[in-house]
Amino acid sequence: MKKAVFLPVILALAATADFSFAQADSNDASIRAGRAIATSSCIVCHTLSPDQAIKPLYGGKAPPFAEIANRPGTSRESLLAFLNSPHWNDPTLPIKPGPMLLISQREKSDVAGYILSLRKAQ
């Protein structure tokens, strides 16, 4: 009788544990994907990390990702809204679409996740 009562509880706990591990793995993969996309697209203007070997080609006028991540109003929603709008604002350069207009919504979400992963613990 006791086995019949505990088995559903054990199965429920196991299912929950498996889901949380899968979600963590998925989140880590998303962050890694976001970093890869940022490295190929955003590094031209932004500093992705303080220890990066290649400095931004356009003189680092754009804020570093760590600074963006630690702004009080930064959220996934605010980052996605920004990434979905053109933000090429250097008048000395030819006007053309920023690289964020050329990537998918999933990729933008990965980049937003990567930026948020740089947030310092409060």
Protein backbone atom coordinates (compact mmCIF):
# COMPACT_ATOMS: atom_id res chain seq x y z
CA MET A 1 0.00 0.00 0.00
CA LYS A 2 2.75 2.47 0.90
CA LYS A 3 4.53 1.80 -2.39
CA ALA A 4 1.41 2.76 -4.31
CA VAL A 5 1.21 6.09 -2.49
CA PHE A 6 4.89 7.00 -2.84
CA LEU A 7 5.34 5.98 -6.46
CA PRO A 8 3.27 8.87 -7.93
CA VAL A 9 5.09 11.33 -5.64
CA ILE A 10 8.49 10.01 -6.68
CA LEU A 11 7.54 10.10 -10.36
CA ALA A 12 6.26 13.66 -10.02
CA LEU A 13 9.49 14.78 -8.34
CA ALA A 14 11.59 13.04 -10.96
CA ALA A 15 9.65 14.69 -13.78
CA THR A 16 10.08 18.11 -12.17
CA ALA A 17 13.81 17.56 -11.66
CA ASP A 18 14.29 16.44 -15.25
CA PHE A 19 12.43 19.50 -16.53
CA SER A 20 14.49 21.91 -14.46
CA PHE A 21 17.74 20.37 -15.71
CA ALA A 22 16.50 20.47 -19.30
CA GLN A 23 15.46 24.11 -18.86
CA ALA A 24 18.88 25.01 -17.39
CA ASP A 25 20.65 23.26 -20.29
CA SER A 26 18.39 25.06 -22.78
CA ASN A 27 19.07 28.41 -21.10
CA ASP A 28 22.84 27.80 -21.14
CA ALA A 29 22.66 26.86 -24.82
CA SER A 30 20.66 30.03 -25.54
CA ILE A 31 23.25 32.17 -23.74
CA ARG A 32 26.09 30.50 -25.66
CA ALA A 33 24.19 31.05 -28.91
CA GLY A 34 23.61 34.71 -27.97
CA ARG A 35 27.31 35.22 -27.30
CA ALA A 36 28.19 33.65 -30.67
CA ILE A 37 25.72 35.91 -32.49
CA ALA A 38 26.98 38.96 -30.60
CA THR A 39 30.57 38.01 -31.45
CA SER A 40 29.75 37.88 -35.13
CA SER A 41 27.38 40.87 -35.28
CA CYS A 42 27.59 43.22 -32.29
CA ILE A 43 31.34 43.28 -31.67
CA VAL A 44 31.75 45.82 -34.44
CA CYS A 45 30.28 48.51 -32.18
CA HIS A 46 30.05 47.06 -28.65
CA THR A 47 32.47 45.66 -26.11
CA LEU A 48 31.05 42.26 -25.25
CA SER A 49 33.33 41.55 -22.33
CA PRO A 50 36.16 43.49 -20.66
CA ASP A 51 38.73 40.84 -21.59
CA GLN A 52 37.90 40.57 -25.30
CA ALA A 53 40.94 40.53 -27.55
CA ILE A 54 39.33 42.37 -30.47
CA LYS A 55 38.15 45.87 -29.63
CA PRO A 56 35.10 47.41 -31.36
CA LEU A 57 35.97 48.60 -34.84
CA TYR A 58 34.01 51.84 -34.49
CA GLY A 59 35.90 53.11 -31.48
CA GLY A 60 33.67 51.75 -28.75
CA LYS A 61 31.13 54.57 -28.97
CA ALA A 62 28.32 52.14 -28.24
CA PRO A 63 27.91 51.13 -24.59
CA PRO A 64 29.50 47.87 -23.44
CA PHE A 65 27.11 44.96 -22.96
CA ALA A 66 27.88 44.75 -19.22
CA GLU A 67 26.83 48.40 -18.82
CA ILE A 68 23.60 47.75 -20.71
CA ALA A 69 22.91 44.64 -18.61
CA ASN A 70 23.31 46.57 -15.36
CA ARG A 71 21.09 49.53 -16.20
CA PRO A 72 18.09 49.65 -13.84
CA GLY A 73 15.50 49.51 -16.63
CA THR A 74 17.08 46.71 -18.64
CA SER A 75 14.80 43.72 -19.12
CA ARG A 76 14.33 41.05 -21.78
CA GLU A 77 11.42 43.08 -23.13
CA SER A 78 13.38 46.34 -23.31
CA LEU A 79 16.29 44.60 -25.02
CA LEU A 80 14.03 42.94 -27.59
CA ALA A 81 12.30 46.24 -28.31
CA PHE A 82 15.70 47.86 -28.86
CA LEU A 83 16.99 44.97 -30.99
CA ASN A 84 13.88 45.21 -33.17
CA SER A 85 14.53 48.84 -34.06
CA PRO A 86 17.33 50.34 -36.14
CA HIS A 87 19.99 51.80 -33.89
CA TRP A 88 22.73 52.90 -36.20
CA ASN A 89 23.32 56.39 -34.88
CA ASP A 90 26.80 57.46 -35.92
CA PRO A 91 26.44 60.40 -38.33
CA THR A 92 30.02 59.92 -39.59
CA LEU A 93 29.19 56.49 -41.03
CA PRO A 94 27.02 55.62 -44.01
CA ILE A 95 23.40 54.99 -43.08
CA LYS A 96 22.57 51.32 -43.37
CA PRO A 97 20.56 48.82 -41.36
CA GLY A 98 22.22 47.62 -38.18
CA PRO A 99 23.05 43.93 -38.02
CA MET A 100 20.16 43.27 -35.64
CA LEU A 101 17.67 43.84 -38.44
CA LEU A 102 19.21 40.92 -40.30
CA ILE A 103 18.81 38.21 -37.65
CA SER A 104 15.78 36.21 -36.56
CA GLN A 105 13.61 36.84 -33.50
CA ARG A 106 15.05 33.68 -31.90
CA GLU A 107 18.58 35.00 -32.40
CA LYS A 108 17.59 38.37 -30.92
CA SER A 109 16.16 36.54 -27.92
CA ASP A 110 19.45 34.65 -27.53
CA VAL A 111 21.41 37.92 -27.68
CA ALA A 112 19.08 39.46 -25.07
CA GLY A 113 19.64 36.41 -22.85
CA TYR A 114 23.39 36.74 -23.24
CA ILE A 115 23.30 40.43 -22.32
CA LEU A 116 21.17 39.69 -19.25
CA SER A 117 23.62 36.95 -18.22
CA LEU A 118 26.22 39.71 -17.75
CA ARG A 119 24.15 41.37 -15.03
CA LYS A 120 25.98 41.53 -11.71
CA ALA A 121 24.31 39.83 -8.77
CA GLN A 122 22.58 42.40 -6.60
